[in-house]
């Protein structure tokens, strides 16, 4: 089978949709109802922690970005639901570009395998 005929070799951009992303966020949020939120823009992997921190800080949850790209949010006891709603809001407003959420294609997996087999293992 050639790469063009391989149904799993779709370039990596068609499998995971915006609706899939939002449904997964709703499921992970733990909320029973979700605010109506519009996406502002997609952000790159590099900008995502900073955008999330700025958004959460704007919504009343002081957040700082760590040197490893993670971020720390300060909240007080009893604010778990409000923080979950703010996190949901920020992730919908400034999501990481969906191209970073796609499963690897067969072509990509072949490249990874070849790299491990031919470069790392020897």
PDB file of N, CA and C in Angstrom:
ATOM      1  N   UNK A   1       0.848  -1.171   0.000  1.00  0.00           N
ATOM      2  CA  UNK A   1       0.000   0.000   0.000  1.00  0.00           C
ATOM      3  C   UNK A   1       0.897   1.240   0.000  1.00  0.00           C
ATOM      4  N   UNK A   2       0.601   2.183  -0.873  1.00  0.00           N
ATOM      5  CA  UNK A   2       1.388   3.411  -0.905  1.00  0.00           C
ATOM      6  C   UNK A   2       0.887   4.371   0.161  1.00  0.00           C
ATOM      7  N   UNK A   3       1.690   5.363   0.484  1.00  0.00           N
ATOM      8  CA  UNK A   3       1.307   6.342   1.491  1.00  0.00           C
ATOM      9  C   UNK A   3       0.019   7.066   1.123  1.00  0.00           C
ATOM     10  N   UNK A   4      -0.196   7.329  -0.162  1.00  0.00           N
ATOM     11  CA  UNK A   4      -1.404   8.031  -0.584  1.00  0.00           C
ATOM     12  C   UNK A   4      -2.666   7.206  -0.340  1.00  0.00           C
ATOM     13  N   UNK A   5      -2.526   5.880  -0.358  1.00  0.00           N
ATOM     14  CA  UNK A   5      -3.678   5.006  -0.170  1.00  0.00           C
ATOM     15  C   UNK A   5      -3.910   4.624   1.292  1.00  0.00           C
ATOM     16  N   UNK A   6      -3.015   5.017   2.168  1.00  0.00           N
ATOM     17  CA  UNK A   6      -3.102   4.633   3.565  1.00  0.00           C
ATOM     18  C   UNK A   6      -4.094   5.536   4.298  1.00  0.00           C
ATOM     19  N   UNK A   7      -5.221   5.004   4.777  1.00  0.00           N
ATOM     20  CA  UNK A   7      -6.210   5.853   5.434  1.00  0.00           C
ATOM     21  C   UNK A   7      -5.709   6.477   6.734  1.00  0.00           C
ATOM     22  N   UNK A   8      -4.665   5.902   7.335  1.00  0.00           N
ATOM     23  CA  UNK A   8      -4.120   6.477   8.561  1.00  0.00           C
ATOM     24  C   UNK A   8      -3.059   7.533   8.289  1.00  0.00           C
ATOM     25  N   UNK A   9      -2.673   7.690   7.043  1.00  0.00           N
ATOM     26  CA  UNK A   9      -1.646   8.671   6.706  1.00  0.00           C
ATOM     27  C   UNK A   9      -2.322   9.909   6.125  1.00  0.00           C
ATOM     28  N   UNK A  10      -3.016  10.636   6.998  1.00  0.00           N
ATOM     29  CA  UNK A  10      -3.820  11.782   6.557  1.00  0.00           C
ATOM     30  C   UNK A  10      -3.104  13.108   6.742  1.00  0.00           C
ATOM     31  N   UNK A  11      -1.826  13.101   6.975  1.00  0.00           N
ATOM     32  CA  UNK A  11      -1.106  14.335   7.206  1.00  0.00           C
ATOM     33  C   UNK A  11      -1.192  14.793   8.643  1.00  0.00           C
ATOM     34  N   UNK A  12      -1.974  14.118   9.456  1.00  0.00           N
ATOM     35  CA  UNK A  12      -2.029  14.419  10.865  1.00  0.00           C
ATOM     36  C   UNK A  12      -2.960  15.531  11.277  1.00  0.00           C
ATOM     37  N   UNK A  13      -3.774  16.060  10.373  1.00  0.00           N
ATOM     38  CA  UNK A  13      -4.570  17.221  10.739  1.00  0.00           C
ATOM     39  C   UNK A  13      -6.075  17.010  10.691  1.00  0.00           C
ATOM     40  N   UNK A  14      -6.559  15.868  10.281  1.00  0.00           N
ATOM     41  CA  UNK A  14      -7.993  15.708  10.107  1.00  0.00           C
ATOM     42  C   UNK A  14      -8.663  14.883  11.194  1.00  0.00           C
ATOM     43  N   UNK A  15      -7.908  14.166  11.991  1.00  0.00           N
ATOM     44  CA  UNK A  15      -8.519  13.243  12.933  1.00  0.00           C
ATOM     45  C   UNK A  15      -9.144  13.928  14.141  1.00  0.00           C
ATOM     46  N   UNK A  16      -8.468  14.874  14.733  1.00  0.00           N
ATOM     47  CA  UNK A  16      -8.885  15.487  15.984  1.00  0.00           C
ATOM     48  C   UNK A  16      -9.484  16.845  15.668  1.00  0.00           C
ATOM     49  N   UNK A  17     -10.779  16.982  15.822  1.00  0.00           N
ATOM     50  CA  UNK A  17     -11.472  18.202  15.429  1.00  0.00           C
ATOM     51  C   UNK A  17     -11.656  19.149  16.609  1.00  0.00           C
ATOM     52  N   UNK A  18     -12.107  20.364  16.314  1.00  0.00           N
ATOM     53  CA  UNK A  18     -12.401  21.347  17.355  1.00  0.00           C
ATOM     54  C   UNK A  18     -13.483  20.811  18.293  1.00  0.00           C
ATOM     55  N   UNK A  19     -14.509  20.203  17.756  1.00  0.00           N
ATOM     56  CA  UNK A  19     -15.575  19.650  18.593  1.00  0.00           C
ATOM     57  C   UNK A  19     -15.045  18.554  19.515  1.00  0.00           C
ATOM     58  N   UNK A  20     -14.140  17.706  19.009  1.00  0.00           N
ATOM     59  CA  UNK A  20     -13.511  16.681  19.848  1.00  0.00           C
ATOM     60  C   UNK A  20     -12.756  17.334  21.000  1.00  0.00           C
ATOM     61  N   UNK A  21     -12.028  18.385  20.681  1.00  0.00           N
ATOM     62  CA  UNK A  21     -11.231  19.101  21.679  1.00  0.00           C
ATOM     63  C   UNK A  21     -12.132  19.668  22.782  1.00  0.00           C
ATOM     64  N   UNK A  22     -13.199  20.349  22.405  1.00  0.00           N
ATOM     65  CA  UNK A  22     -14.096  20.969  23.384  1.00  0.00           C
ATOM     66  C   UNK A  22     -14.793  19.896  24.224  1.00  0.00           C
ATOM     67  N   UNK A  23     -15.226  18.811  23.604  1.00  0.00           N
ATOM     68  CA  UNK A  23     -15.872  17.736  24.365  1.00  0.00           C
ATOM     69  C   UNK A  23     -14.919  17.133  25.389  1.00  0.00           C
ATOM     70  N   UNK A  24     -13.666  16.941  25.010  1.00  0.00           N
ATOM     71  CA  UNK A  24     -12.676  16.391  25.933  1.00  0.00           C
ATOM     72  C   UNK A  24     -12.422  17.361  27.091  1.00  0.00           C
ATOM     73  N   UNK A  25     -12.361  18.660  26.791  1.00  0.00           N
ATOM     74  CA  UNK A  25     -12.194  19.662  27.850  1.00  0.00           C
ATOM     75  C   UNK A  25     -13.363  19.633  28.826  1.00  0.00           C
ATOM     76  N   UNK A  26     -14.572  19.531  28.297  1.00  0.00           N
ATOM     77  CA  UNK A  26     -15.753  19.475  29.159  1.00  0.00           C
ATOM     78  C   UNK A  26     -15.679  18.259  30.079  1.00  0.00           C
ATOM     79  N   UNK A  27     -15.313  17.132  29.498  1.00  0.00           N
ATOM     80  CA  UNK A  27     -15.212  15.889  30.262  1.00  0.00           C
ATOM     81  C   UNK A  27     -14.152  16.002  31.361  1.00  0.00           C
ATOM     82  N   UNK A  28     -13.023  16.581  31.041  1.00  0.00           N
ATOM     83  CA  UNK A  28     -11.921  16.686  31.994  1.00  0.00           C
ATOM     84  C   UNK A  28     -12.131  17.782  33.039  1.00  0.00           C
ATOM     85  N   UNK A  29     -12.983  18.762  32.746  1.00  0.00           N
ATOM     86  CA  UNK A  29     -13.146  19.909  33.640  1.00  0.00           C
ATOM     87  C   UNK A  29     -13.806  19.548  34.967  1.00  0.00           C
ATOM     88  N   UNK A  30     -14.664  18.526  34.956  1.00  0.00           N
ATOM     89  CA  UNK A  30     -15.394  18.179  36.164  1.00  0.00           C
ATOM     90  C   UNK A  30     -16.588  19.072  36.428  1.00  0.00           C
ATOM     91  N   UNK A  31     -16.848  20.008  35.533  1.00  0.00           N
ATOM     92  CA  UNK A  31     -17.990  20.919  35.692  1.00  0.00           C
ATOM     93  C   UNK A  31     -19.275  20.246  35.231  1.00  0.00           C
ATOM     94  N   UNK A  32     -20.393  20.719  35.759  1.00  0.00           N
ATOM     95  CA  UNK A  32     -21.703  20.201  35.338  1.00  0.00           C
ATOM     96  C   UNK A  32     -22.313  21.064  34.236  1.00  0.00           C
ATOM     97  N   UNK A  33     -21.907  22.332  34.182  1.00  0.00           N
ATOM     98  CA  UNK A  33     -22.322  23.219  33.096  1.00  0.00           C
ATOM     99  C   UNK A  33     -21.115  24.070  32.722  1.00  0.00           C
ATOM    100  N   UNK A  34     -21.090  24.521  31.492  1.00  0.00           N
ATOM    101  CA  UNK A  34     -19.925  25.222  30.971  1.00  0.00           C
ATOM    102  C   UNK A  34     -20.342  26.575  30.428  1.00  0.00           C
ATOM    103  N   UNK A  35     -19.495  27.569  30.626  1.00  0.00           N
ATOM    104  CA  UNK A  35     -19.818  28.892  30.088  1.00  0.00           C
ATOM    105  C   UNK A  35     -19.710  28.888  28.563  1.00  0.00           C
ATOM    106  N   UNK A  36     -20.459  29.778  27.932  1.00  0.00           N
ATOM    107  CA  UNK A  36     -20.334  29.965  26.484  1.00  0.00           C
ATOM    108  C   UNK A  36     -19.044  30.732  26.246  1.00  0.00           C
ATOM    109  N   UNK A  37     -18.137  30.128  25.516  1.00  0.00           N
ATOM    110  CA  UNK A  37     -16.819  30.727  25.295  1.00  0.00           C
ATOM    111  C   UNK A  37     -16.493  30.648  23.815  1.00  0.00           C
ATOM    112  N   UNK A  38     -15.971  31.733  23.277  1.00  0.00           N
ATOM    113  CA  UNK A  38     -15.522  31.760  21.886  1.00  0.00           C
ATOM    114  C   UNK A  38     -14.007  31.681  21.841  1.00  0.00           C
ATOM    115  N   UNK A  39     -13.504  30.956  20.878  1.00  0.00           N
ATOM    116  CA  UNK A  39     -12.055  30.877  20.684  1.00  0.00           C
ATOM    117  C   UNK A  39     -11.571  32.244  20.209  1.00  0.00           C
ATOM    118  N   UNK A  40     -10.493  32.739  20.829  1.00  0.00           N
ATOM    119  CA  UNK A  40      -9.887  33.996  20.417  1.00  0.00           C
ATOM    120  C   UNK A  40      -8.896  33.702  19.287  1.00  0.00           C
ATOM    121  N   UNK A  41      -8.005  32.754  19.545  1.00  0.00           N
ATOM    122  CA  UNK A  41      -7.038  32.344  18.515  1.00  0.00           C
ATOM    123  C   UNK A  41      -6.291  31.103  18.988  1.00  0.00           C
ATOM    124  N   UNK A  42      -5.751  30.383  18.018  1.00  0.00           N
ATOM    125  CA  UNK A  42      -4.868  29.269  18.338  1.00  0.00           C
ATOM    126  C   UNK A  42      -3.502  29.834  18.701  1.00  0.00           C
ATOM    127  N   UNK A  43      -2.791  29.142  19.584  1.00  0.00           N
ATOM    128  CA  UNK A  43      -1.443  29.571  19.958  1.00  0.00           C
ATOM    129  C   UNK A  43      -0.460  28.428  19.715  1.00  0.00           C
ATOM    130  N   UNK A  44       0.799  28.776  19.606  1.00  0.00           N
ATOM    131  CA  UNK A  44       1.835  27.771  19.395  1.00  0.00           C
ATOM    132  C   UNK A  44       2.153  27.071  20.715  1.00  0.00           C
ATOM    133  N   UNK A  45       2.879  25.972  20.627  1.00  0.00           N
ATOM    134  CA  UNK A  45       3.306  25.253  21.830  1.00  0.00           C
ATOM    135  C   UNK A  45       4.123  26.162  22.738  1.00  0.00           C
ATOM    136  N   UNK A  46       4.963  26.990  22.141  1.00  0.00           N
ATOM    137  CA  UNK A  46       5.840  27.864  22.918  1.00  0.00           C
ATOM    138  C   UNK A  46       5.055  28.937  23.661  1.00  0.00           C
ATOM    139  N   UNK A  47       3.999  29.454  23.051  1.00  0.00           N
ATOM    140  CA  UNK A  47       3.223  30.549  23.638  1.00  0.00           C
ATOM    141  C   UNK A  47       2.108  30.082  24.566  1.00  0.00           C
ATOM    142  N   UNK A  48       1.740  28.804  24.492  1.00  0.00           N
ATOM    143  CA  UNK A  48       0.582  28.316  25.235  1.00  0.00           C
ATOM    144  C   UNK A  48       0.675  28.562  26.743  1.00  0.00           C
ATOM    145  N   UNK A  49       1.787  28.219  27.427  1.00  0.00           N
ATOM    146  CA  UNK A  49       1.827  28.451  28.878  1.00  0.00           C
ATOM    147  C   UNK A  49       1.646  29.924  29.243  1.00  0.00           C
ATOM    148  N   UNK A  50       2.281  30.806  28.488  1.00  0.00           N
ATOM    149  CA  UNK A  50       2.175  32.236  28.769  1.00  0.00           C
ATOM    150  C   UNK A  50       0.753  32.738  28.551  1.00  0.00           C
ATOM    151  N   UNK A  51       0.123  32.305  27.462  1.00  0.00           N
ATOM    152  CA  UNK A  51      -1.264  32.718  27.188  1.00  0.00           C
ATOM    153  C   UNK A  51      -2.213  32.217  28.271  1.00  0.00           C
ATOM    154  N   UNK A  52      -2.026  30.961  28.696  1.00  0.00           N
ATOM    155  CA  UNK A  52      -2.874  30.407  29.753  1.00  0.00           C
ATOM    156  C   UNK A  52      -2.675  31.171  31.056  1.00  0.00           C
ATOM    157  N   UNK A  53      -1.426  31.463  31.392  1.00  0.00           N
ATOM    158  CA  UNK A  53      -1.127  32.194  32.633  1.00  0.00           C
ATOM    159  C   UNK A  53      -1.730  33.587  32.607  1.00  0.00           C
ATOM    160  N   UNK A  54      -1.604  34.283  31.486  1.00  0.00           N
ATOM    161  CA  UNK A  54      -2.174  35.636  31.384  1.00  0.00           C
ATOM    162  C   UNK A  54      -3.693  35.595  31.483  1.00  0.00           C
ATOM    163  N   UNK A  55      -4.300  34.639  30.820  1.00  0.00           N
ATOM    164  CA  UNK A  55      -5.756  34.512  30.842  1.00  0.00           C
ATOM    165  C   UNK A  55      -6.249  34.204  32.256  1.00  0.00           C
ATOM    166  N   UNK A  56      -5.645  33.229  32.904  1.00  0.00           N
ATOM    167  CA  UNK A  56      -6.058  32.863  34.262  1.00  0.00           C
ATOM    168  C   UNK A  56      -5.855  34.024  35.232  1.00  0.00           C
ATOM    169  N   UNK A  57      -4.752  34.750  35.077  1.00  0.00           N
ATOM    170  CA  UNK A  57      -4.505  35.910  35.934  1.00  0.00           C
ATOM    171  C   UNK A  57      -5.572  36.977  35.716  1.00  0.00           C
ATOM    172  N   UNK A  58      -5.942  37.200  34.469  1.00  0.00           N
ATOM    173  CA  UNK A  58      -6.993  38.167  34.147  1.00  0.00           C
ATOM    174  C   UNK A  58      -8.322  37.769  34.782  1.00  0.00           C
ATOM    175  N   UNK A  59      -8.577  36.472  34.886  1.00  0.00           N
ATOM    176  CA  UNK A  59      -9.834  35.980  35.467  1.00  0.00           C
ATOM    177  C   UNK A  59      -9.770  35.870  36.991  1.00  0.00           C
ATOM    178  N   UNK A  60      -8.694  36.379  37.589  1.00  0.00           N
ATOM    179  CA  UNK A  60      -8.616  36.433  39.044  1.00  0.00           C
ATOM    180  C   UNK A  60      -7.824  35.338  39.718  1.00  0.00           C
ATOM    181  N   UNK A  61      -7.084  34.548  38.945  1.00  0.00           N
ATOM    182  CA  UNK A  61      -6.265  33.479  39.507  1.00  0.00           C
ATOM    183  C   UNK A  61      -4.807  33.737  39.145  1.00  0.00           C
ATOM    184  N   UNK A  62      -4.067  34.411  40.039  1.00  0.00           N
ATOM    185  CA  UNK A  62      -2.668  34.729  39.739  1.00  0.00           C
ATOM    186  C   UNK A  62      -1.894  33.477  39.323  1.00  0.00           C
ATOM    187  N   UNK A  63      -1.265  33.561  38.171  1.00  0.00           N
ATOM    188  CA  UNK A  63      -0.584  32.404  37.585  1.00  0.00           C
ATOM    189  C   UNK A  63       0.782  32.829  37.079  1.00  0.00           C
ATOM    190  N   UNK A  64       1.783  31.990  37.335  1.00  0.00           N
ATOM    191  CA  UNK A  64       3.132  32.273  36.841  1.00  0.00           C
ATOM    192  C   UNK A  64       3.622  31.088  36.022  1.00  0.00           C
ATOM    193  N   UNK A  65       4.446  31.396  35.032  1.00  0.00           N
ATOM    194  CA  UNK A  65       5.025  30.363  34.169  1.00  0.00           C
ATOM    195  C   UNK A  65       6.389  29.978  34.726  1.00  0.00           C
ATOM    196  N   UNK A  66       6.610  28.684  34.848  1.00  0.00           N
ATOM    197  CA  UNK A  66       7.879  28.163  35.366  1.00  0.00           C
ATOM    198  C   UNK A  66       8.882  28.017  34.221  1.00  0.00           C
ATOM    199  N   UNK A  67      10.147  27.808  34.545  1.00  0.00           N
ATOM    200  CA  UNK A  67      11.194  27.698  33.526  1.00  0.00           C
ATOM    201  C   UNK A  67      11.020  26.478  32.620  1.00  0.00           C
ATOM    202  N   UNK A  68      10.318  25.449  33.109  1.00  0.00           N
ATOM    203  CA  UNK A  68      10.112  24.245  32.297  1.00  0.00           C
ATOM    204  C   UNK A  68       8.872  24.332  31.406  1.00  0.00           C
ATOM    205  N   UNK A  69       8.191  25.491  31.399  1.00  0.00           N
ATOM    206  CA  UNK A  69       7.011  25.664  30.562  1.00  0.00           C
ATOM    207  C   UNK A  69       5.706  25.343  31.258  1.00  0.00           C
ATOM    208  N   UNK A  70       5.781  24.797  32.462  1.00  0.00           N
ATOM    209  CA  UNK A  70       4.548  24.561  33.220  1.00  0.00           C
ATOM    210  C   UNK A  70       4.126  25.882  33.862  1.00  0.00           C
ATOM    211  N   UNK A  71       2.935  25.912  34.411  1.00  0.00           N
ATOM    212  CA  UNK A  71       2.526  27.123  35.109  1.00  0.00           C
ATOM    213  C   UNK A  71       1.866  26.767  36.423  1.00  0.00           C
ATOM    214  N   UNK A  72       1.965  27.693  37.373  1.00  0.00           N
ATOM    215  CA  UNK A  72       1.444  27.499  38.715  1.00  0.00           C
ATOM    216  C   UNK A  72       0.361  28.538  38.962  1.00  0.00           C
ATOM    217  N   UNK A  73      -0.798  28.068  39.386  1.00  0.00           N
ATOM    218  CA  UNK A  73      -1.932  28.951  39.646  1.00  0.00           C
ATOM    219  C   UNK A  73      -2.218  28.975  41.137  1.00  0.00           C
ATOM    220  N   UNK A  74      -2.427  30.168  41.662  1.00  0.00           N
ATOM    221  CA  UNK A  74      -2.746  30.319  43.084  1.00  0.00           C
ATOM    222  C   UNK A  74      -4.253  30.448  43.244  1.00  0.00           C
ATOM    223  N   UNK A  75      -4.799  29.658  44.153  1.00  0.00           N
ATOM    224  CA  UNK A  75      -6.218  29.760  44.480  1.00  0.00           C
ATOM    225  C   UNK A  75      -6.392  29.414  45.951  1.00  0.00           C
ATOM    226  N   UNK A  76      -7.499  29.838  46.491  1.00  0.00           N
ATOM    227  CA  UNK A  76      -7.774  29.534  47.897  1.00  0.00           C
ATOM    228  C   UNK A  76      -8.768  28.390  47.981  1.00  0.00           C
ATOM    229  N   UNK A  77      -8.860  27.808  49.153  1.00  0.00           N
ATOM    230  CA  UNK A  77      -9.793  26.708  49.356  1.00  0.00           C
ATOM    231  C   UNK A  77     -11.205  27.196  49.050  1.00  0.00           C
ATOM    232  N   UNK A  78     -11.980  26.361  48.414  1.00  0.00           N
ATOM    233  CA  UNK A  78     -13.342  26.720  48.060  1.00  0.00           C
ATOM    234  C   UNK A  78     -13.460  27.347  46.675  1.00  0.00           C
ATOM    235  N   UNK A  79     -12.330  27.515  45.976  1.00  0.00           N
ATOM    236  CA  UNK A  79     -12.357  28.105  44.637  1.00  0.00           C
ATOM    237  C   UNK A  79     -12.177  27.068  43.532  1.00  0.00           C
ATOM    238  N   UNK A  80     -12.258  25.787  43.872  1.00  0.00           N
ATOM    239  CA  UNK A  80     -11.987  24.743  42.887  1.00  0.00           C
ATOM    240  C   UNK A  80     -12.909  24.845  41.669  1.00  0.00           C
ATOM    241  N   UNK A  81     -14.196  25.044  41.902  1.00  0.00           N
ATOM    242  CA  UNK A  81     -15.123  25.108  40.773  1.00  0.00           C
ATOM    243  C   UNK A  81     -14.882  26.357  39.935  1.00  0.00           C
ATOM    244  N   UNK A  82     -14.637  27.487  40.599  1.00  0.00           N
ATOM    245  CA  UNK A  82     -14.351  28.725  39.868  1.00  0.00           C
ATOM    246  C   UNK A  82     -13.061  28.597  39.062  1.00  0.00           C
ATOM    247  N   UNK A  83     -12.052  27.946  39.644  1.00  0.00           N
ATOM    248  CA  UNK A  83     -10.801  27.731  38.926  1.00  0.00           C
ATOM    249  C   UNK A  83     -11.005  26.784  37.749  1.00  0.00           C
ATOM    250  N   UNK A  84     -11.799  25.740  37.931  1.00  0.00           N
ATOM    251  CA  UNK A  84     -12.088  24.808  36.827  1.00  0.00           C
ATOM    252  C   UNK A  84     -12.791  25.539  35.690  1.00  0.00           C
ATOM    253  N   UNK A  85     -13.707  26.436  36.021  1.00  0.00           N
ATOM    254  CA  UNK A  85     -14.407  27.211  34.991  1.00  0.00           C
ATOM    255  C   UNK A  85     -13.448  28.172  34.286  1.00  0.00           C
ATOM    256  N   UNK A  86     -12.573  28.818  35.049  1.00  0.00           N
ATOM    257  CA  UNK A  86     -11.583  29.726  34.457  1.00  0.00           C
ATOM    258  C   UNK A  86     -10.623  28.947  33.556  1.00  0.00           C
ATOM    259  N   UNK A  87     -10.183  27.777  34.007  1.00  0.00           N
ATOM    260  CA  UNK A  87      -9.279  26.951  33.199  1.00  0.00           C
ATOM    261  C   UNK A  87      -9.948  26.536  31.898  1.00  0.00           C
ATOM    262  N   UNK A  88     -11.196  26.103  31.984  1.00  0.00           N
ATOM    263  CA  UNK A  88     -11.953  25.725  30.781  1.00  0.00           C
ATOM    264  C   UNK A  88     -12.037  26.920  29.828  1.00  0.00           C
ATOM    265  N   UNK A  89     -12.393  28.083  30.383  1.00  0.00           N
ATOM    266  CA  UNK A  89     -12.535  29.293  29.574  1.00  0.00           C
ATOM    267  C   UNK A  89     -11.238  29.626  28.851  1.00  0.00           C
ATOM    268  N   UNK A  90     -10.127  29.612  29.570  1.00  0.00           N
ATOM    269  CA  UNK A  90      -8.842  29.962  28.968  1.00  0.00           C
ATOM    270  C   UNK A  90      -8.400  28.944  27.919  1.00  0.00           C
ATOM    271  N   UNK A  91      -8.648  27.672  28.192  1.00  0.00           N
ATOM    272  CA  UNK A  91      -8.246  26.655  27.217  1.00  0.00           C
ATOM    273  C   UNK A  91      -9.058  26.740  25.934  1.00  0.00           C
ATOM    274  N   UNK A  92     -10.323  27.151  26.035  1.00  0.00           N
ATOM    275  CA  UNK A  92     -11.128  27.325  24.826  1.00  0.00           C
ATOM    276  C   UNK A  92     -10.744  28.614  24.111  1.00  0.00           C
ATOM    277  N   UNK A  93     -10.471  29.679  24.848  1.00  0.00           N
ATOM    278  CA  UNK A  93     -10.120  30.949  24.221  1.00  0.00           C
ATOM    279  C   UNK A  93      -8.764  30.900  23.536  1.00  0.00           C
ATOM    280  N   UNK A  94      -7.785  30.244  24.170  1.00  0.00           N
ATOM    281  CA  UNK A  94      -6.416  30.223  23.648  1.00  0.00           C
ATOM    282  C   UNK A  94      -5.890  28.787  23.583  1.00  0.00           C
ATOM    283  N   UNK A  95      -6.495  27.969  22.729  1.00  0.00           N
ATOM    284  CA  UNK A  95      -6.037  26.572  22.648  1.00  0.00           C
ATOM    285  C   UNK A  95      -4.739  26.455  21.861  1.00  0.00           C
ATOM    286  N   UNK A  96      -3.993  25.419  22.179  1.00  0.00           N
ATOM    287  CA  UNK A  96      -2.820  25.098  21.382  1.00  0.00           C
ATOM    288  C   UNK A  96      -3.334  24.619  20.023  1.00  0.00           C
ATOM    289  N   UNK A  97      -2.640  25.002  18.969  1.00  0.00           N
ATOM    290  CA  UNK A  97      -3.046  24.598  17.633  1.00  0.00           C
ATOM    291  C   UNK A  97      -3.282  23.094  17.603  1.00  0.00           C
ATOM    292  N   UNK A  98      -4.392  22.669  17.013  1.00  0.00           N
ATOM    293  CA  UNK A  98      -4.766  21.251  17.016  1.00  0.00           C
ATOM    294  C   UNK A  98      -3.765  20.354  16.292  1.00  0.00           C
ATOM    295  N   UNK A  99      -2.910  20.933  15.469  1.00  0.00           N
ATOM    296  CA  UNK A  99      -1.911  20.092  14.800  1.00  0.00           C
ATOM    297  C   UNK A  99      -0.980  19.430  15.808  1.00  0.00           C
ATOM    298  N   UNK A 100      -0.872  19.997  17.026  1.00  0.00           N
ATOM    299  CA  UNK A 100      -0.035  19.401  18.059  1.00  0.00           C
ATOM    300  C   UNK A 100      -0.755  18.284  18.814  1.00  0.00           C
ATOM    301  N   UNK A 101      -2.047  18.087  18.552  1.00  0.00           N
ATOM    302  CA  UNK A 101      -2.842  17.089  19.265  1.00  0.00           C
ATOM    303  C   UNK A 101      -3.156  15.861  18.427  1.00  0.00           C
ATOM    304  N   UNK A 102      -2.654  15.817  17.224  1.00  0.00           N
ATOM    305  CA  UNK A 102      -2.969  14.718  16.326  1.00  0.00           C
ATOM    306  C   UNK A 102      -2.133  13.485  16.641  1.00  0.00           C
ATOM    307  N   UNK A 103      -2.731  12.340  16.405  1.00  0.00           N
ATOM    308  CA  UNK A 103      -1.978  11.088  16.522  1.00  0.00           C
ATOM    309  C   UNK A 103      -0.958  11.039  15.390  1.00  0.00           C
ATOM    310  N   UNK A 104       0.190  10.438  15.633  1.00  0.00           N
ATOM    311  CA  UNK A 104       1.187  10.329  14.553  1.00  0.00           C
ATOM    312  C   UNK A 104       0.623   9.487  13.399  1.00  0.00           C
ATOM    313  N   UNK A 105       0.977   9.876  12.202  1.00  0.00           N
ATOM    314  CA  UNK A 105       0.573   9.106  11.027  1.00  0.00           C
ATOM    315  C   UNK A 105       1.508   7.906  10.883  1.00  0.00           C
ATOM    316  N   UNK A 106       1.172   6.991   9.989  1.00  0.00           N
ATOM    317  CA  UNK A 106       2.050   5.833   9.764  1.00  0.00           C
ATOM    318  C   UNK A 106       3.420   6.276   9.252  1.00  0.00           C
ATOM    319  N   UNK A 107       3.433   7.278   8.399  1.00  0.00           N
ATOM    320  CA  UNK A 107       4.709   7.778   7.886  1.00  0.00           C
ATOM    321  C   UNK A 107       5.565   8.312   9.030  1.00  0.00           C
ATOM    322  N   UNK A 108       4.968   9.083   9.931  1.00  0.00           N
ATOM    323  CA  UNK A 108       5.709   9.606  11.078  1.00  0.00           C
ATOM    324  C   UNK A 108       6.201   8.476  11.977  1.00  0.00           C
ATOM    325  N   UNK A 109       5.360   7.478  12.208  1.00  0.00           N
ATOM    326  CA  UNK A 109       5.772   6.344  13.034  1.00  0.00           C
ATOM    327  C   UNK A 109       6.931   5.589  12.403  1.00  0.00           C
ATOM    328  N   UNK A 110       6.915   5.467  11.081  1.00  0.00           N
ATOM    329  CA  UNK A 110       8.033   4.809  10.392  1.00  0.00           C
ATOM    330  C   UNK A 110       9.325   5.599  10.586  1.00  0.00           C
ATOM    331  N   UNK A 111       9.229   6.917  10.516  1.00  0.00           N
ATOM    332  CA  UNK A 111      10.407   7.764  10.712  1.00  0.00           C
ATOM    333  C   UNK A 111      10.928   7.609  12.138  1.00  0.00           C
ATOM    334  N   UNK A 112      10.027   7.659  13.139  1.00  0.00           N
ATOM    335  CA  UNK A 112      10.432   7.478  14.537  1.00  0.00           C
ATOM    336  C   UNK A 112      11.114   6.126  14.729  1.00  0.00           C
ATOM    337  N   UNK A 113      10.493   5.079  14.181  1.00  0.00           N
ATOM    338  CA  UNK A 113      11.035   3.727  14.320  1.00  0.00           C
ATOM    339  C   UNK A 113      12.431   3.648  13.700  1.00  0.00           C
ATOM    340  N   UNK A 114      12.563   4.193  12.497  1.00  0.00           N
ATOM    341  CA  UNK A 114      13.860   4.165  11.826  1.00  0.00           C
ATOM    342  C   UNK A 114      14.927   4.915  12.610  1.00  0.00           C
ATOM    343  N   UNK A 115      14.550   6.025  13.199  1.00  0.00           N
ATOM    344  CA  UNK A 115      15.494   6.799  14.005  1.00  0.00           C
ATOM    345  C   UNK A 115      15.946   5.999  15.229  1.00  0.00           C
ATOM    346  N   UNK A 116      14.994   5.402  15.929  1.00  0.00           N
ATOM    347  CA  UNK A 116      15.357   4.584  17.095  1.00  0.00           C
ATOM    348  C   UNK A 116      16.216   3.396  16.685  1.00  0.00           C
ATOM    349  N   UNK A 117      15.797   2.684  15.631  1.00  0.00           N
ATOM    350  CA  UNK A 117      16.514   1.485  15.191  1.00  0.00           C
ATOM    351  C   UNK A 117      17.902   1.795  14.678  1.00  0.00           C
ATOM    352  N   UNK A 118      18.011   2.858  13.866  1.00  0.00           N
ATOM    353  CA  UNK A 118      19.277   3.111  13.167  1.00  0.00           C
ATOM    354  C   UNK A 118      20.205   4.095  13.880  1.00  0.00           C
ATOM    355  N   UNK A 119      19.671   4.930  14.758  1.00  0.00           N
ATOM    356  CA  UNK A 119      20.494   5.956  15.394  1.00  0.00           C
ATOM    357  C   UNK A 119      20.641   5.751  16.894  1.00  0.00           C
ATOM    358  N   UNK A 120      19.552   5.625  17.597  1.00  0.00           N
ATOM    359  CA  UNK A 120      19.631   5.553  19.057  1.00  0.00           C
ATOM    360  C   UNK A 120      20.120   4.210  19.567  1.00  0.00           C
ATOM    361  N   UNK A 121      19.618   3.127  19.047  1.00  0.00           N
ATOM    362  CA  UNK A 121      19.967   1.808  19.561  1.00  0.00           C
ATOM    363  C   UNK A 121      21.434   1.483  19.328  1.00  0.00           C
ATOM    364  N   UNK A 122      21.975   1.686  18.124  1.00  0.00           N
ATOM    365  CA  UNK A 122      23.417   1.365  17.950  1.00  0.00           C
ATOM    366  C   UNK A 122      24.283   2.221  18.862  1.00  0.00           C
TER     367      UNK A 122
END
